[in-house]
Amino acid sequence: MIIVAVGLFLFFKSLDYAYLFQQLPLLQKLVMWISSCSLGIYFVHVLIIEELASGHLGFKLAANSFTPLVSIPSIAILVMALSVITTMILKRIPLVRNIVP
């Protein structure tokens, strides 16, 4: 896993982002939007994973709910989406706006 992580890091580090964003301006907007929420996503994602796995929402969703080939990527995408949405909602609340970066 460490070798895969290092390989992915080096791959993304070697990309020419100026050219990529010039060709795909929507990708640049998406990356900038998510990066503006990254610290909030970092704080919130563990809470969302715990809520999905606990069963408080009426269902349990964990990595072993389905086959790993399906469940791990789908749960990762779901947690990312819910974390971004939660962070954006928290950024719109006036009293919380100063706390959530």
C-alpha atoms as a PDB file:
ATOM      1  CA  MET A   1       0.000   0.000   0.000  1.00  0.00           C
ATOM      2  CA  ILE A   2       2.862   2.339   0.771  1.00  0.00           C
ATOM      3  CA  ILE A   3       4.408   1.687  -2.640  1.00  0.00           C
ATOM      4  CA  VAL A   4       1.093   2.419  -4.369  1.00  0.00           C
ATOM      5  CA  ALA A   5       0.678   5.649  -2.380  1.00  0.00           C
ATOM      6  CA  VAL A   6       4.216   6.789  -3.225  1.00  0.00           C
ATOM      7  CA  GLY A   7       3.677   5.896  -6.882  1.00  0.00           C
ATOM      8  CA  LEU A   8       0.414   7.852  -7.057  1.00  0.00           C
ATOM      9  CA  PHE A   9       2.027  10.816  -5.321  1.00  0.00           C
ATOM     10  CA  LEU A  10       4.907  10.857  -7.803  1.00  0.00           C
ATOM     11  CA  PHE A  11       2.506  10.472 -10.724  1.00  0.00           C
ATOM     12  CA  PHE A  12       0.337  13.412  -9.660  1.00  0.00           C
ATOM     13  CA  LYS A  13       3.428  15.458  -8.846  1.00  0.00           C
ATOM     14  CA  SER A  14       4.788  14.949 -12.349  1.00  0.00           C
ATOM     15  CA  LEU A  15       1.649  16.176 -14.153  1.00  0.00           C
ATOM     16  CA  ASP A  16       1.760  19.497 -15.983  1.00  0.00           C
ATOM     17  CA  TYR A  17      -1.129  21.200 -14.227  1.00  0.00           C
ATOM     18  CA  ALA A  18      -0.869  24.456 -16.187  1.00  0.00           C
ATOM     19  CA  TYR A  19      -1.467  22.587 -19.442  1.00  0.00           C
ATOM     20  CA  LEU A  20      -4.096  20.312 -17.902  1.00  0.00           C
ATOM     21  CA  PHE A  21      -6.087  23.212 -16.437  1.00  0.00           C
ATOM     22  CA  GLN A  22      -5.777  25.137 -19.701  1.00  0.00           C
ATOM     23  CA  GLN A  23      -7.341  22.210 -21.545  1.00  0.00           C
ATOM     24  CA  LEU A  24      -9.973  21.503 -18.844  1.00  0.00           C
ATOM     25  CA  PRO A  25     -10.975  24.747 -17.080  1.00  0.00           C
ATOM     26  CA  LEU A  26     -13.847  22.983 -15.303  1.00  0.00           C
ATOM     27  CA  LEU A  27     -11.323  20.652 -13.666  1.00  0.00           C
ATOM     28  CA  GLN A  28      -9.419  23.660 -12.348  1.00  0.00           C
ATOM     29  CA  LYS A  29     -12.590  25.095 -10.811  1.00  0.00           C
ATOM     30  CA  LEU A  30     -13.416  21.737  -9.219  1.00  0.00           C
ATOM     31  CA  VAL A  31      -9.905  21.334  -7.788  1.00  0.00           C
ATOM     32  CA  MET A  32      -9.887  24.905  -6.437  1.00  0.00           C
ATOM     33  CA  TRP A  33     -13.346  24.451  -4.886  1.00  0.00           C
ATOM     34  CA  ILE A  34     -12.417  21.197  -3.155  1.00  0.00           C
ATOM     35  CA  SER A  35      -9.040  22.555  -2.029  1.00  0.00           C
ATOM     36  CA  SER A  36     -10.759  25.542  -0.402  1.00  0.00           C
ATOM     37  CA  CYS A  37     -12.703  23.036   1.733  1.00  0.00           C
ATOM     38  CA  SER A  38      -9.848  20.598   2.397  1.00  0.00           C
ATOM     39  CA  LEU A  39      -9.274  21.356   6.087  1.00  0.00           C
ATOM     40  CA  GLY A  40     -13.001  21.180   6.797  1.00  0.00           C
ATOM     41  CA  ILE A  41     -13.209  17.905   4.866  1.00  0.00           C
ATOM     42  CA  TYR A  42     -10.328  16.568   6.953  1.00  0.00           C
ATOM     43  CA  PHE A  43     -12.152  17.447  10.185  1.00  0.00           C
ATOM     44  CA  VAL A  44     -15.574  16.138   9.133  1.00  0.00           C
ATOM     45  CA  HIS A  45     -14.822  12.935   7.220  1.00  0.00           C
ATOM     46  CA  VAL A  46     -14.187  10.790  10.295  1.00  0.00           C
ATOM     47  CA  LEU A  47     -17.524  11.839  11.797  1.00  0.00           C
ATOM     48  CA  ILE A  48     -19.299  10.912   8.581  1.00  0.00           C
ATOM     49  CA  ILE A  49     -17.575   7.522   8.405  1.00  0.00           C
ATOM     50  CA  GLU A  50     -18.572   6.831  12.012  1.00  0.00           C
ATOM     51  CA  GLU A  51     -22.204   7.838  11.382  1.00  0.00           C
ATOM     52  CA  LEU A  52     -22.442   5.624   8.307  1.00  0.00           C
ATOM     53  CA  ALA A  53     -20.946   2.651  10.149  1.00  0.00           C
ATOM     54  CA  SER A  54     -22.871   3.120  13.422  1.00  0.00           C
ATOM     55  CA  GLY A  55     -26.394   2.555  12.145  1.00  0.00           C
ATOM     56  CA  HIS A  56     -27.860   5.766  13.606  1.00  0.00           C
ATOM     57  CA  LEU A  57     -29.236   6.662  10.178  1.00  0.00           C
ATOM     58  CA  GLY A  58     -31.278   3.464   9.963  1.00  0.00           C
ATOM     59  CA  PHE A  59     -28.696   1.506   7.988  1.00  0.00           C
ATOM     60  CA  LYS A  60     -25.094   0.442   8.397  1.00  0.00           C
ATOM     61  CA  LEU A  61     -22.618   1.136   5.655  1.00  0.00           C
ATOM     62  CA  ALA A  62     -19.062  -0.084   6.081  1.00  0.00           C
ATOM     63  CA  ALA A  63     -16.241  -1.355   3.903  1.00  0.00           C
ATOM     64  CA  ASN A  64     -17.392  -4.940   4.408  1.00  0.00           C
ATOM     65  CA  SER A  65     -21.026  -4.236   3.437  1.00  0.00           C
ATOM     66  CA  PHE A  66     -20.441  -5.378  -0.154  1.00  0.00           C
ATOM     67  CA  THR A  67     -17.544  -6.838  -2.047  1.00  0.00           C
ATOM     68  CA  PRO A  68     -14.431  -4.709  -1.450  1.00  0.00           C
ATOM     69  CA  LEU A  69     -14.058  -3.953  -5.149  1.00  0.00           C
ATOM     70  CA  VAL A  70     -17.396  -2.113  -5.070  1.00  0.00           C
ATOM     71  CA  SER A  71     -17.738  -0.950  -1.483  1.00  0.00           C
ATOM     72  CA  ILE A  72     -14.400   0.758  -0.891  1.00  0.00           C
ATOM     73  CA  PRO A  73     -14.492   3.124  -3.908  1.00  0.00           C
ATOM     74  CA  SER A  74     -18.213   3.820  -3.531  1.00  0.00           C
ATOM     75  CA  ILE A  75     -17.949   4.575   0.195  1.00  0.00           C
ATOM     76  CA  ALA A  76     -14.880   6.752  -0.438  1.00  0.00           C
ATOM     77  CA  ILE A  77     -16.792   8.786  -3.039  1.00  0.00           C
ATOM     78  CA  LEU A  78     -19.864   9.003  -0.782  1.00  0.00           C
ATOM     79  CA  VAL A  79     -17.828  10.147   2.229  1.00  0.00           C
ATOM     80  CA  MET A  80     -15.987  12.718   0.088  1.00  0.00           C
ATOM     81  CA  ALA A  81     -19.246  14.103  -1.307  1.00  0.00           C
ATOM     82  CA  LEU A  82     -20.919  14.252   2.114  1.00  0.00           C
ATOM     83  CA  SER A  83     -17.822  15.872   3.624  1.00  0.00           C
ATOM     84  CA  VAL A  84     -17.748  18.581   0.952  1.00  0.00           C
ATOM     85  CA  ILE A  85     -21.481  19.239   1.353  1.00  0.00           C
ATOM     86  CA  THR A  86     -21.197  19.378   5.152  1.00  0.00           C
ATOM     87  CA  THR A  87     -18.220  21.744   4.968  1.00  0.00           C
ATOM     88  CA  MET A  88     -19.998  24.028   2.500  1.00  0.00           C
ATOM     89  CA  ILE A  89     -23.078  24.143   4.764  1.00  0.00           C
ATOM     90  CA  LEU A  90     -20.928  24.934   7.790  1.00  0.00           C
ATOM     91  CA  LYS A  91     -19.164  27.722   5.860  1.00  0.00           C
ATOM     92  CA  ARG A  92     -22.541  29.410   5.253  1.00  0.00           C
ATOM     93  CA  ILE A  93     -23.515  29.615   8.947  1.00  0.00           C
ATOM     94  CA  PRO A  94     -22.382  33.038  10.226  1.00  0.00           C
ATOM     95  CA  LEU A  95     -21.245  31.987  13.707  1.00  0.00           C
ATOM     96  CA  VAL A  96     -19.522  28.840  12.515  1.00  0.00           C
ATOM     97  CA  ARG A  97     -17.889  30.456   9.462  1.00  0.00           C
ATOM     98  CA  ASN A  98     -14.932  31.679  11.538  1.00  0.00           C
ATOM     99  CA  ILE A  99     -14.275  28.210  12.945  1.00  0.00           C
ATOM    100  CA  VAL A 100     -14.568  26.167   9.727  1.00  0.00           C
ATOM    101  CA  PRO A 101     -11.770  27.074   7.323  1.00  0.00           C
END
